[in-house]
């Protein structure tokens, strides 16, 4: 069970915007990574644009 302090820290982290970097490792291959987190990345062959 997590302490109240740990829960508050998690909530604060969720409120902050993460900086996401996008790179093309080769044509048709896109890699997304979170700034400051070299172990967290996602690679994909399909990227779609989001309409707002």
C-alpha atoms as a PDB file:
ATOM      1  CA  UNK A   1       0.000   0.000   0.000  1.00  0.00           C
ATOM      2  CA  UNK A   2       1.383   3.419  -0.943  1.00  0.00           C
ATOM      3  CA  UNK A   3       1.712   6.215   1.562  1.00  0.00           C
ATOM      4  CA  UNK A   4      -0.164   9.496   1.189  1.00  0.00           C
ATOM      5  CA  UNK A   5       3.095  11.269   0.272  1.00  0.00           C
ATOM      6  CA  UNK A   6       3.743   8.826  -2.585  1.00  0.00           C
ATOM      7  CA  UNK A   7       0.203   9.357  -3.872  1.00  0.00           C
ATOM      8  CA  UNK A   8       0.646  13.128  -3.780  1.00  0.00           C
ATOM      9  CA  UNK A   9       3.908  12.875  -5.725  1.00  0.00           C
ATOM     10  CA  UNK A  10       2.245  10.709  -8.387  1.00  0.00           C
ATOM     11  CA  UNK A  11      -0.634  13.171  -8.686  1.00  0.00           C
ATOM     12  CA  UNK A  12       1.776  16.092  -9.046  1.00  0.00           C
ATOM     13  CA  UNK A  13       3.706  14.237 -11.753  1.00  0.00           C
ATOM     14  CA  UNK A  14       0.479  13.615 -13.701  1.00  0.00           C
ATOM     15  CA  UNK A  15      -0.286  17.357 -13.672  1.00  0.00           C
ATOM     16  CA  UNK A  16       3.014  18.233 -15.368  1.00  0.00           C
ATOM     17  CA  UNK A  17       3.244  18.153 -19.154  1.00  0.00           C
ATOM     18  CA  UNK A  18       5.773  15.651 -20.477  1.00  0.00           C
ATOM     19  CA  UNK A  19       8.006  16.738 -23.338  1.00  0.00           C
ATOM     20  CA  UNK A  20       7.792  14.140 -26.099  1.00  0.00           C
ATOM     21  CA  UNK A  21      10.472  13.956 -28.791  1.00  0.00           C
ATOM     22  CA  UNK A  22       9.720  12.450 -32.185  1.00  0.00           C
ATOM     23  CA  UNK A  23      12.413  11.055 -34.497  1.00  0.00           C
ATOM     24  CA  UNK A  24      12.429   9.033 -37.697  1.00  0.00           C
ATOM     25  CA  UNK A  25      14.948   6.196 -37.408  1.00  0.00           C
ATOM     26  CA  UNK A  26      14.358   5.305 -41.069  1.00  0.00           C
ATOM     27  CA  UNK A  27      11.720   6.279 -43.629  1.00  0.00           C
ATOM     28  CA  UNK A  28       8.376   5.012 -42.380  1.00  0.00           C
ATOM     29  CA  UNK A  29       9.651   4.255 -38.844  1.00  0.00           C
ATOM     30  CA  UNK A  30       8.874   6.794 -36.096  1.00  0.00           C
ATOM     31  CA  UNK A  31      10.207   6.705 -32.541  1.00  0.00           C
ATOM     32  CA  UNK A  32       8.625   8.637 -29.670  1.00  0.00           C
ATOM     33  CA  UNK A  33      10.628   9.247 -26.485  1.00  0.00           C
ATOM     34  CA  UNK A  34       9.980  11.165 -23.283  1.00  0.00           C
ATOM     35  CA  UNK A  35      12.492  13.871 -22.410  1.00  0.00           C
ATOM     36  CA  UNK A  36      14.584  12.835 -19.401  1.00  0.00           C
ATOM     37  CA  UNK A  37      13.545   9.174 -19.683  1.00  0.00           C
ATOM     38  CA  UNK A  38      15.985   7.345 -22.000  1.00  0.00           C
ATOM     39  CA  UNK A  39      14.450   3.964 -21.099  1.00  0.00           C
ATOM     40  CA  UNK A  40      10.917   4.963 -22.113  1.00  0.00           C
ATOM     41  CA  UNK A  41      10.321   4.963 -25.861  1.00  0.00           C
ATOM     42  CA  UNK A  42       7.812   3.690 -28.401  1.00  0.00           C
ATOM     43  CA  UNK A  43       8.647   2.719 -31.984  1.00  0.00           C
ATOM     44  CA  UNK A  44       5.970   2.356 -34.655  1.00  0.00           C
ATOM     45  CA  UNK A  45       5.540   1.897 -38.395  1.00  0.00           C
ATOM     46  CA  UNK A  46       2.130   3.622 -38.405  1.00  0.00           C
ATOM     47  CA  UNK A  47       1.444   7.161 -37.187  1.00  0.00           C
ATOM     48  CA  UNK A  48      -1.907   8.914 -37.599  1.00  0.00           C
ATOM     49  CA  UNK A  49      -2.662  12.582 -37.042  1.00  0.00           C
ATOM     50  CA  UNK A  50      -5.090  13.484 -34.270  1.00  0.00           C
ATOM     51  CA  UNK A  51      -7.864  15.914 -35.150  1.00  0.00           C
ATOM     52  CA  UNK A  52      -8.921  18.313 -32.404  1.00  0.00           C
END
